[in-house]
């Protein structure tokens, strides 16, 4: 356990940051799941709306360093590819 006052404070801050990051990651995953669910249901209009809502959330998580920028790009790319496939 942390003994110095500085170490105790850093432990408190780390716990606070961990909880915040977990909430942000959960928010992103929920947004992605909404897109996937709409695609699975075959509702193109709802899927596109969900994707437009999820895109800035994914970008923000990458900007804040919660996920890697390449992961954000990959997720957006795969979701948009699934949306494009709905046309055909």
N, C-alpha and C. Protein backbone atom coordinates (compact mmCIF):
# COMPACT_ATOMS: atom_id res chain seq x y z
N UNK A 1 0.85 -1.20 0.00
CA UNK A 1 0.00 0.00 0.00
C UNK A 1 0.88 1.24 0.00
N UNK A 2 0.35 2.31 -0.59
CA UNK A 2 1.09 3.57 -0.67
C UNK A 2 1.28 4.17 0.72
N UNK A 3 2.51 4.59 1.02
CA UNK A 3 2.81 5.09 2.35
C UNK A 3 2.97 6.60 2.42
N UNK A 4 3.61 7.18 1.42
CA UNK A 4 3.83 8.63 1.48
C UNK A 4 2.54 9.35 1.08
N UNK A 5 2.36 10.57 1.54
CA UNK A 5 1.16 11.33 1.16
C UNK A 5 1.01 11.47 -0.36
N UNK A 6 2.13 11.68 -1.03
CA UNK A 6 2.11 11.82 -2.49
C UNK A 6 1.62 10.53 -3.15
N UNK A 7 2.12 9.39 -2.67
CA UNK A 7 1.73 8.10 -3.25
C UNK A 7 0.26 7.81 -2.99
N UNK A 8 -0.22 8.18 -1.79
CA UNK A 8 -1.63 7.98 -1.48
C UNK A 8 -2.52 8.81 -2.40
N UNK A 9 -2.10 10.06 -2.65
CA UNK A 9 -2.88 10.93 -3.53
C UNK A 9 -2.89 10.37 -4.95
N UNK A 10 -1.72 9.92 -5.43
CA UNK A 10 -1.65 9.35 -6.78
C UNK A 10 -2.54 8.12 -6.90
N UNK A 11 -2.62 7.33 -5.84
CA UNK A 11 -3.48 6.14 -5.85
C UNK A 11 -4.94 6.55 -5.96
N UNK A 12 -5.31 7.61 -5.22
CA UNK A 12 -6.70 8.11 -5.30
C UNK A 12 -6.99 8.62 -6.71
N UNK A 13 -6.04 9.37 -7.28
CA UNK A 13 -6.25 9.91 -8.62
C UNK A 13 -6.34 8.80 -9.66
N UNK A 14 -5.49 7.79 -9.51
CA UNK A 14 -5.49 6.68 -10.46
C UNK A 14 -6.84 5.96 -10.44
N UNK A 15 -7.40 5.78 -9.27
CA UNK A 15 -8.71 5.11 -9.15
C UNK A 15 -9.80 5.94 -9.81
N UNK A 16 -9.73 7.25 -9.61
CA UNK A 16 -10.71 8.15 -10.22
C UNK A 16 -10.61 8.12 -11.74
N UNK A 17 -9.37 8.17 -12.25
CA UNK A 17 -9.15 8.12 -13.69
C UNK A 17 -9.60 6.79 -14.28
N UNK A 18 -9.32 5.69 -13.55
CA UNK A 18 -9.70 4.36 -14.03
C UNK A 18 -11.22 4.25 -14.17
N UNK A 19 -11.94 4.78 -13.19
CA UNK A 19 -13.40 4.72 -13.24
C UNK A 19 -13.94 5.57 -14.38
N UNK A 20 -13.34 6.74 -14.59
CA UNK A 20 -13.78 7.62 -15.67
C UNK A 20 -13.51 6.99 -17.03
N UNK A 21 -12.31 6.42 -17.20
CA UNK A 21 -11.97 5.77 -18.47
C UNK A 21 -12.89 4.58 -18.74
N UNK A 22 -13.22 3.83 -17.70
CA UNK A 22 -14.11 2.67 -17.87
C UNK A 22 -15.49 3.14 -18.34
N UNK A 23 -15.98 4.23 -17.78
CA UNK A 23 -17.28 4.76 -18.18
C UNK A 23 -17.26 5.22 -19.63
N UNK A 24 -16.17 5.87 -20.04
CA UNK A 24 -16.05 6.34 -21.42
C UNK A 24 -15.96 5.17 -22.40
N UNK A 25 -15.20 4.14 -22.01
CA UNK A 25 -15.10 2.95 -22.86
C UNK A 25 -16.45 2.28 -23.01
N UNK A 26 -17.21 2.21 -21.92
CA UNK A 26 -18.54 1.62 -21.95
C UNK A 26 -19.47 2.41 -22.87
N UNK A 27 -19.37 3.73 -22.80
CA UNK A 27 -20.18 4.59 -23.66
C UNK A 27 -19.88 4.33 -25.13
N UNK A 28 -18.60 4.15 -25.45
CA UNK A 28 -18.21 3.88 -26.83
C UNK A 28 -18.74 2.52 -27.28
N UNK A 29 -18.58 1.52 -26.42
CA UNK A 29 -19.03 0.17 -26.79
C UNK A 29 -20.54 0.13 -27.00
N UNK A 30 -21.27 0.87 -26.19
CA UNK A 30 -22.73 0.93 -26.35
C UNK A 30 -23.10 1.55 -27.69
N UNK A 31 -22.39 2.62 -28.06
CA UNK A 31 -22.66 3.28 -29.34
C UNK A 31 -22.39 2.33 -30.50
N UNK A 32 -21.30 1.57 -30.41
CA UNK A 32 -20.95 0.62 -31.47
C UNK A 32 -22.00 -0.49 -31.54
N UNK A 33 -22.43 -0.98 -30.38
CA UNK A 33 -23.43 -2.06 -30.34
C UNK A 33 -24.76 -1.62 -30.96
N UNK A 34 -25.11 -0.34 -30.79
CA UNK A 34 -26.35 0.16 -31.39
C UNK A 34 -26.27 0.08 -32.91
N UNK A 35 -25.09 0.40 -33.46
CA UNK A 35 -24.91 0.32 -34.92
C UNK A 35 -25.01 -1.13 -35.36
N UNK A 36 -24.31 -2.02 -34.67
CA UNK A 36 -24.29 -3.44 -35.03
C UNK A 36 -25.70 -4.03 -34.96
N UNK A 37 -26.44 -3.66 -33.93
CA UNK A 37 -27.80 -4.17 -33.76
C UNK A 37 -28.71 -3.69 -34.89
N UNK A 38 -28.58 -2.43 -35.29
CA UNK A 38 -29.40 -1.89 -36.38
C UNK A 38 -29.04 -2.56 -37.70
N UNK A 39 -27.75 -2.83 -37.90
CA UNK A 39 -27.32 -3.52 -39.13
C UNK A 39 -27.89 -4.93 -39.16
N UNK A 40 -27.83 -5.62 -38.01
CA UNK A 40 -28.35 -7.00 -37.93
C UNK A 40 -29.86 -7.03 -38.17
N UNK A 41 -30.54 -5.98 -37.73
CA UNK A 41 -31.99 -5.91 -37.93
C UNK A 41 -32.35 -5.55 -39.38
N UNK A 42 -31.37 -5.04 -40.13
CA UNK A 42 -31.60 -4.68 -41.53
C UNK A 42 -32.22 -3.32 -41.71
N UNK A 43 -32.21 -2.51 -40.68
CA UNK A 43 -32.79 -1.16 -40.75
C UNK A 43 -31.69 -0.16 -41.13
N UNK A 44 -31.61 0.13 -42.43
CA UNK A 44 -30.52 0.97 -42.93
C UNK A 44 -30.58 2.39 -42.38
N UNK A 45 -31.76 2.98 -42.31
CA UNK A 45 -31.88 4.36 -41.83
C UNK A 45 -31.44 4.46 -40.37
N UNK A 46 -31.88 3.52 -39.57
CA UNK A 46 -31.51 3.54 -38.15
C UNK A 46 -30.02 3.24 -37.99
N UNK A 47 -29.48 2.36 -38.81
CA UNK A 47 -28.06 2.02 -38.74
C UNK A 47 -27.20 3.23 -39.08
N UNK A 48 -27.61 3.97 -40.12
CA UNK A 48 -26.85 5.17 -40.51
C UNK A 48 -26.91 6.23 -39.42
N UNK A 49 -28.08 6.40 -38.81
CA UNK A 49 -28.22 7.37 -37.73
C UNK A 49 -27.35 6.98 -36.54
N UNK A 50 -27.34 5.69 -36.21
CA UNK A 50 -26.53 5.20 -35.09
C UNK A 50 -25.04 5.36 -35.39
N UNK A 51 -24.66 5.14 -36.65
CA UNK A 51 -23.26 5.30 -37.04
C UNK A 51 -22.83 6.75 -36.94
N UNK A 52 -23.69 7.67 -37.37
CA UNK A 52 -23.36 9.10 -37.27
C UNK A 52 -23.22 9.52 -35.81
N UNK A 53 -23.98 8.89 -34.92
CA UNK A 53 -23.87 9.20 -33.49
C UNK A 53 -22.63 8.54 -32.88
N UNK A 54 -22.26 7.36 -33.37
CA UNK A 54 -21.12 6.63 -32.80
C UNK A 54 -19.78 7.19 -33.25
N UNK A 55 -19.72 7.72 -34.45
CA UNK A 55 -18.45 8.20 -35.02
C UNK A 55 -17.75 9.24 -34.13
N UNK A 56 -18.42 10.31 -33.70
CA UNK A 56 -17.73 11.27 -32.84
C UNK A 56 -17.35 10.70 -31.47
N UNK A 57 -18.12 9.74 -30.98
CA UNK A 57 -17.79 9.11 -29.69
C UNK A 57 -16.49 8.32 -29.82
N UNK A 58 -16.38 7.56 -30.92
CA UNK A 58 -15.16 6.78 -31.16
C UNK A 58 -13.96 7.72 -31.32
N UNK A 59 -14.15 8.79 -32.10
CA UNK A 59 -13.06 9.75 -32.30
C UNK A 59 -12.61 10.38 -30.99
N UNK A 60 -13.55 10.70 -30.14
CA UNK A 60 -13.21 11.34 -28.86
C UNK A 60 -12.41 10.39 -27.98
N UNK A 61 -12.78 9.11 -27.97
CA UNK A 61 -12.04 8.14 -27.15
C UNK A 61 -10.60 8.02 -27.64
N UNK A 62 -10.40 8.09 -28.96
CA UNK A 62 -9.04 8.03 -29.51
C UNK A 62 -8.27 9.30 -29.16
N UNK A 63 -8.94 10.43 -29.25
CA UNK A 63 -8.30 11.71 -28.95
C UNK A 63 -7.86 11.78 -27.49
N UNK A 64 -8.68 11.22 -26.60
CA UNK A 64 -8.37 11.24 -25.17
C UNK A 64 -7.37 10.16 -24.77
N UNK A 65 -7.03 9.27 -25.70
CA UNK A 65 -6.06 8.23 -25.40
C UNK A 65 -6.65 7.01 -24.71
N UNK A 66 -7.98 6.91 -24.70
CA UNK A 66 -8.62 5.76 -24.06
C UNK A 66 -8.51 4.53 -24.94
N UNK A 67 -8.57 4.75 -26.27
CA UNK A 67 -8.27 3.68 -27.22
C UNK A 67 -7.24 4.22 -28.20
N UNK A 68 -6.56 3.32 -28.90
CA UNK A 68 -5.54 3.72 -29.88
C UNK A 68 -6.22 4.30 -31.12
N UNK A 69 -5.57 5.24 -31.76
CA UNK A 69 -6.17 5.89 -32.94
C UNK A 69 -6.40 4.90 -34.07
N UNK A 70 -5.53 3.89 -34.18
CA UNK A 70 -5.73 2.89 -35.23
C UNK A 70 -6.94 2.01 -34.94
N UNK A 71 -7.20 1.75 -33.66
CA UNK A 71 -8.39 0.97 -33.30
C UNK A 71 -9.64 1.75 -33.65
N UNK A 72 -9.62 3.06 -33.40
CA UNK A 72 -10.77 3.90 -33.73
C UNK A 72 -11.01 3.87 -35.24
N UNK A 73 -9.94 4.01 -36.01
CA UNK A 73 -10.05 4.00 -37.47
C UNK A 73 -10.58 2.65 -37.96
N UNK A 74 -10.08 1.58 -37.36
CA UNK A 74 -10.51 0.23 -37.75
C UNK A 74 -11.99 0.01 -37.46
N UNK A 75 -12.43 0.43 -36.28
CA UNK A 75 -13.84 0.27 -35.93
C UNK A 75 -14.74 1.04 -36.88
N UNK A 76 -14.39 2.30 -37.15
CA UNK A 76 -15.21 3.12 -38.05
C UNK A 76 -15.21 2.53 -39.45
N UNK A 77 -14.07 2.04 -39.89
CA UNK A 77 -13.96 1.46 -41.23
C UNK A 77 -14.83 0.21 -41.37
N UNK A 78 -14.78 -0.64 -40.36
CA UNK A 78 -15.56 -1.89 -40.43
C UNK A 78 -17.06 -1.62 -40.36
N UNK A 79 -17.44 -0.68 -39.51
CA UNK A 79 -18.86 -0.35 -39.41
C UNK A 79 -19.37 0.24 -40.72
N UNK A 80 -18.59 1.14 -41.31
CA UNK A 80 -19.03 1.76 -42.56
C UNK A 80 -19.06 0.73 -43.70
N UNK A 81 -18.15 -0.24 -43.66
CA UNK A 81 -18.16 -1.30 -44.68
C UNK A 81 -19.43 -2.13 -44.55
N UNK A 82 -19.85 -2.43 -43.34
CA UNK A 82 -21.10 -3.17 -43.13
C UNK A 82 -22.30 -2.35 -43.60
N UNK A 83 -22.24 -1.04 -43.38
CA UNK A 83 -23.33 -0.18 -43.86
C UNK A 83 -23.41 -0.19 -45.38
N UNK A 84 -22.25 -0.11 -46.03
CA UNK A 84 -22.22 -0.12 -47.50
C UNK A 84 -22.75 -1.44 -48.04
N UNK A 85 -22.47 -2.53 -47.35
CA UNK A 85 -22.95 -3.86 -47.79
C UNK A 85 -24.45 -3.97 -47.74
N UNK A 86 -25.09 -3.16 -46.89
CA UNK A 86 -26.55 -3.23 -46.77
C UNK A 86 -27.24 -2.82 -48.06
N UNK A 87 -26.61 -2.01 -48.88
CA UNK A 87 -27.21 -1.57 -50.14
C UNK A 87 -27.37 -2.74 -51.11
N UNK A 88 -26.33 -3.56 -51.17
CA UNK A 88 -26.35 -4.65 -52.15
C UNK A 88 -27.11 -5.86 -51.69
